[in-house]
Amino acid sequence: MSPAQIGGILLLLGGLAFAFGHFAKIRVGLLLVGTILVGVGGHLFTWLGVVMTWLSGATSAIFAWAFGVALPAALAVILIFIVVRALLPRHKAGRTASIAAVALGIMIALGITNIGALGGITPTVTTNVSTVTGS
């Protein structure tokens, strides 16, 4: 199986967990890694990529208007905060964290986070999954 197919399986499992409301913290990880592995190849993720690019620019513009300095990574920072907070031991991962994980995965796959440290995540995840699965 290719990493994209494994990502599809992870998205399917995460989507089922989301629909039934089970495995809250696990589904956040499934959705994040699955989105990164699938990338933006299909029509849905291409469209969501356009939406995330627009939202990232809008968030930066609002931040510039409010505080006088543009922050291109504002949306990525917000999404990272939501995902990390949901995965902490004393917090509950809700549906918002699952949606944030998909949005963050799309931003990472597109490379529009404007955070240099996140630039190497997509090839690293893909390489590690290929190594583990032998594909």
C-alpha atoms as a PDB file:
ATOM      1  CA  MET A   1       0.000   0.000   0.000  1.00  0.00           C
ATOM      2  CA  SER A   2       1.193   3.483  -0.779  1.00  0.00           C
ATOM      3  CA  PRO A   3       1.366   6.189   1.884  1.00  0.00           C
ATOM      4  CA  ALA A   4      -1.581   7.957   0.209  1.00  0.00           C
ATOM      5  CA  GLN A   5      -3.707   4.803   0.523  1.00  0.00           C
ATOM      6  CA  ILE A   6      -2.740   4.439   4.175  1.00  0.00           C
ATOM      7  CA  GLY A   7      -3.661   8.108   4.636  1.00  0.00           C
ATOM      8  CA  GLY A   8      -7.050   7.362   3.080  1.00  0.00           C
ATOM      9  CA  ILE A   9      -7.602   4.529   5.554  1.00  0.00           C
ATOM     10  CA  LEU A  10      -6.614   6.829   8.440  1.00  0.00           C
ATOM     11  CA  LEU A  11      -9.050   9.474   7.192  1.00  0.00           C
ATOM     12  CA  LEU A  12     -11.789   6.862   6.888  1.00  0.00           C
ATOM     13  CA  LEU A  13     -11.204   5.613  10.439  1.00  0.00           C
ATOM     14  CA  GLY A  14     -10.981   9.175  11.766  1.00  0.00           C
ATOM     15  CA  GLY A  15     -14.180  10.098   9.926  1.00  0.00           C
ATOM     16  CA  LEU A  16     -16.008   7.118  11.404  1.00  0.00           C
ATOM     17  CA  ALA A  17     -14.753   7.972  14.890  1.00  0.00           C
ATOM     18  CA  PHE A  18     -15.892  11.569  14.284  1.00  0.00           C
ATOM     19  CA  ALA A  19     -19.341  10.470  13.093  1.00  0.00           C
ATOM     20  CA  PHE A  20     -19.912   8.152  16.052  1.00  0.00           C
ATOM     21  CA  GLY A  21     -18.242  10.423  18.615  1.00  0.00           C
ATOM     22  CA  HIS A  22     -15.726   7.836  19.818  1.00  0.00           C
ATOM     23  CA  PHE A  23     -11.949   7.829  20.405  1.00  0.00           C
ATOM     24  CA  ALA A  24     -11.699  11.618  20.597  1.00  0.00           C
ATOM     25  CA  LYS A  25      -7.944  11.977  21.047  1.00  0.00           C
ATOM     26  CA  ILE A  26      -7.059   9.155  18.684  1.00  0.00           C
ATOM     27  CA  ARG A  27      -9.238  10.563  15.907  1.00  0.00           C
ATOM     28  CA  VAL A  28      -7.385  13.890  16.082  1.00  0.00           C
ATOM     29  CA  GLY A  29      -4.139  12.058  15.337  1.00  0.00           C
ATOM     30  CA  LEU A  30      -5.756   9.892  12.656  1.00  0.00           C
ATOM     31  CA  LEU A  31      -7.201  12.897  10.870  1.00  0.00           C
ATOM     32  CA  LEU A  32      -3.992  14.953  11.092  1.00  0.00           C
ATOM     33  CA  VAL A  33      -1.655  12.220   9.842  1.00  0.00           C
ATOM     34  CA  GLY A  34      -4.179  10.964   7.273  1.00  0.00           C
ATOM     35  CA  THR A  35      -4.569  14.433   5.786  1.00  0.00           C
ATOM     36  CA  ILE A  36      -0.808  14.913   5.586  1.00  0.00           C
ATOM     37  CA  LEU A  37      -0.362  11.531   3.868  1.00  0.00           C
ATOM     38  CA  VAL A  38      -3.158  12.016   1.356  1.00  0.00           C
ATOM     39  CA  GLY A  39      -1.977  15.533   0.558  1.00  0.00           C
ATOM     40  CA  VAL A  40      -3.984  17.698  -1.760  1.00  0.00           C
ATOM     41  CA  GLY A  41      -4.410  15.319  -4.686  1.00  0.00           C
ATOM     42  CA  GLY A  42      -8.192  15.003  -4.860  1.00  0.00           C
ATOM     43  CA  HIS A  43     -10.833  17.577  -5.643  1.00  0.00           C
ATOM     44  CA  LEU A  44     -12.017  17.937  -2.043  1.00  0.00           C
ATOM     45  CA  PHE A  45      -8.577  18.619  -0.605  1.00  0.00           C
ATOM     46  CA  THR A  46      -7.703  20.919  -3.509  1.00  0.00           C
ATOM     47  CA  TRP A  47     -10.825  22.963  -2.773  1.00  0.00           C
ATOM     48  CA  LEU A  48     -10.138  22.926   0.967  1.00  0.00           C
ATOM     49  CA  GLY A  49      -6.567  24.023   0.209  1.00  0.00           C
ATOM     50  CA  VAL A  50      -7.893  27.081  -1.618  1.00  0.00           C
ATOM     51  CA  VAL A  51     -10.168  27.850   1.335  1.00  0.00           C
ATOM     52  CA  MET A  52      -7.304  27.442   3.830  1.00  0.00           C
ATOM     53  CA  THR A  53      -5.031  29.689   1.738  1.00  0.00           C
ATOM     54  CA  TRP A  54      -7.733  32.371   1.708  1.00  0.00           C
ATOM     55  CA  LEU A  55      -8.401  31.983   5.451  1.00  0.00           C
ATOM     56  CA  SER A  56      -4.691  32.221   6.202  1.00  0.00           C
ATOM     57  CA  GLY A  57      -4.464  35.506   4.278  1.00  0.00           C
ATOM     58  CA  ALA A  58      -7.624  36.829   5.909  1.00  0.00           C
ATOM     59  CA  THR A  59      -6.381  35.946   9.390  1.00  0.00           C
ATOM     60  CA  SER A  60      -3.084  37.685   8.671  1.00  0.00           C
ATOM     61  CA  ALA A  61      -4.907  40.782   7.418  1.00  0.00           C
ATOM     62  CA  ILE A  62      -7.168  40.889  10.479  1.00  0.00           C
ATOM     63  CA  PHE A  63      -4.147  40.486  12.748  1.00  0.00           C
ATOM     64  CA  ALA A  64      -2.395  43.331  10.880  1.00  0.00           C
ATOM     65  CA  TRP A  65      -5.466  45.531  11.206  1.00  0.00           C
ATOM     66  CA  ALA A  66      -5.901  44.806  14.911  1.00  0.00           C
ATOM     67  CA  PHE A  67      -2.287  44.912  16.066  1.00  0.00           C
ATOM     68  CA  GLY A  68      -0.486  46.831  13.337  1.00  0.00           C
ATOM     69  CA  VAL A  69       1.808  43.965  12.306  1.00  0.00           C
ATOM     70  CA  ALA A  70       1.094  41.194   9.797  1.00  0.00           C
ATOM     71  CA  LEU A  71       1.463  37.636  11.050  1.00  0.00           C
ATOM     72  CA  PRO A  72       1.189  35.197   8.121  1.00  0.00           C
ATOM     73  CA  ALA A  73       1.350  32.219  10.486  1.00  0.00           C
ATOM     74  CA  ALA A  74      -1.546  33.393  12.680  1.00  0.00           C
ATOM     75  CA  LEU A  75      -4.024  30.751  11.473  1.00  0.00           C
ATOM     76  CA  ALA A  76      -1.447  27.965  11.784  1.00  0.00           C
ATOM     77  CA  VAL A  77      -0.604  29.058  15.337  1.00  0.00           C
ATOM     78  CA  ILE A  78      -4.295  29.054  16.275  1.00  0.00           C
ATOM     79  CA  LEU A  79      -4.830  25.572  14.805  1.00  0.00           C
ATOM     80  CA  ILE A  80      -1.689  24.194  16.467  1.00  0.00           C
ATOM     81  CA  PHE A  81      -2.897  25.554  19.811  1.00  0.00           C
ATOM     82  CA  ILE A  82      -6.321  23.908  19.419  1.00  0.00           C
ATOM     83  CA  VAL A  83      -4.829  20.529  18.431  1.00  0.00           C
ATOM     84  CA  VAL A  84      -2.122  20.480  21.105  1.00  0.00           C
ATOM     85  CA  ARG A  85      -4.510  21.622  23.836  1.00  0.00           C
ATOM     86  CA  ALA A  86      -6.954  18.862  22.904  1.00  0.00           C
ATOM     87  CA  LEU A  87      -4.230  16.247  23.226  1.00  0.00           C
ATOM     88  CA  LEU A  88      -3.131  17.313  26.703  1.00  0.00           C
ATOM     89  CA  PRO A  89      -4.039  14.858  29.486  1.00  0.00           C
ATOM     90  CA  ARG A  90      -6.529  17.015  31.394  1.00  0.00           C
ATOM     91  CA  HIS A  91      -8.403  18.290  28.359  1.00  0.00           C
ATOM     92  CA  LYS A  92     -11.028  16.674  26.206  1.00  0.00           C
ATOM     93  CA  ALA A  93     -10.634  16.485  22.443  1.00  0.00           C
ATOM     94  CA  GLY A  94     -13.906  17.547  20.904  1.00  0.00           C
ATOM     95  CA  ARG A  95     -15.153  17.913  17.368  1.00  0.00           C
ATOM     96  CA  THR A  96     -13.446  21.293  17.063  1.00  0.00           C
ATOM     97  CA  ALA A  97     -10.058  19.650  17.553  1.00  0.00           C
ATOM     98  CA  SER A  98     -10.842  17.106  14.818  1.00  0.00           C
ATOM     99  CA  ILE A  99     -11.775  19.845  12.366  1.00  0.00           C
ATOM    100  CA  ALA A 100      -8.686  21.819  13.369  1.00  0.00           C
ATOM    101  CA  ALA A 101      -6.531  18.715  12.779  1.00  0.00           C
ATOM    102  CA  VAL A 102      -7.828  18.363   9.213  1.00  0.00           C
ATOM    103  CA  ALA A 103      -7.336  22.082   8.548  1.00  0.00           C
ATOM    104  CA  LEU A 104      -3.807  21.988   9.987  1.00  0.00           C
ATOM    105  CA  GLY A 105      -3.002  18.863   7.966  1.00  0.00           C
ATOM    106  CA  ILE A 106      -4.083  20.611   4.774  1.00  0.00           C
ATOM    107  CA  MET A 107      -1.968  23.657   5.620  1.00  0.00           C
ATOM    108  CA  ILE A 108       1.053  21.436   6.331  1.00  0.00           C
ATOM    109  CA  ALA A 109       0.547  19.423   3.131  1.00  0.00           C
ATOM    110  CA  LEU A 110       0.279  22.640   1.088  1.00  0.00           C
ATOM    111  CA  GLY A 111       3.190  24.264   2.861  1.00  0.00           C
ATOM    112  CA  ILE A 112       1.224  27.416   3.708  1.00  0.00           C
ATOM    113  CA  THR A 113       1.789  27.439   7.469  1.00  0.00           C
ATOM    114  CA  ASN A 114       4.556  30.072   7.155  1.00  0.00           C
ATOM    115  CA  ILE A 115       6.372  28.267   9.962  1.00  0.00           C
ATOM    116  CA  GLY A 116       9.725  26.953   8.821  1.00  0.00           C
ATOM    117  CA  ALA A 117       9.838  24.109  11.337  1.00  0.00           C
ATOM    118  CA  LEU A 118       6.691  22.558   9.834  1.00  0.00           C
ATOM    119  CA  GLY A 119       8.115  22.510   6.311  1.00  0.00           C
ATOM    120  CA  GLY A 120       9.742  19.108   6.615  1.00  0.00           C
ATOM    121  CA  ILE A 121       6.812  17.291   8.220  1.00  0.00           C
ATOM    122  CA  THR A 122       5.158  16.072   5.000  1.00  0.00           C
ATOM    123  CA  PRO A 123       8.206  14.287   3.522  1.00  0.00           C
ATOM    124  CA  THR A 124       9.207  12.961   6.948  1.00  0.00           C
ATOM    125  CA  VAL A 125       5.783  11.457   7.650  1.00  0.00           C
ATOM    126  CA  THR A 126       5.569   9.970   4.154  1.00  0.00           C
ATOM    127  CA  THR A 127       9.075   8.471   4.398  1.00  0.00           C
ATOM    128  CA  ASN A 128       8.422   7.005   7.855  1.00  0.00           C
ATOM    129  CA  VAL A 129       5.136   5.429   6.792  1.00  0.00           C
ATOM    130  CA  SER A 130       6.797   3.991   3.673  1.00  0.00           C
ATOM    131  CA  THR A 131       9.599   2.549   5.806  1.00  0.00           C
ATOM    132  CA  VAL A 132       7.249   0.998   8.348  1.00  0.00           C
ATOM    133  CA  THR A 133       4.885  -0.502   5.775  1.00  0.00           C
ATOM    134  CA  GLY A 134       7.608  -1.534   3.339  1.00  0.00           C
ATOM    135  CA  SER A 135       6.037   0.255   0.386  1.00  0.00           C
END
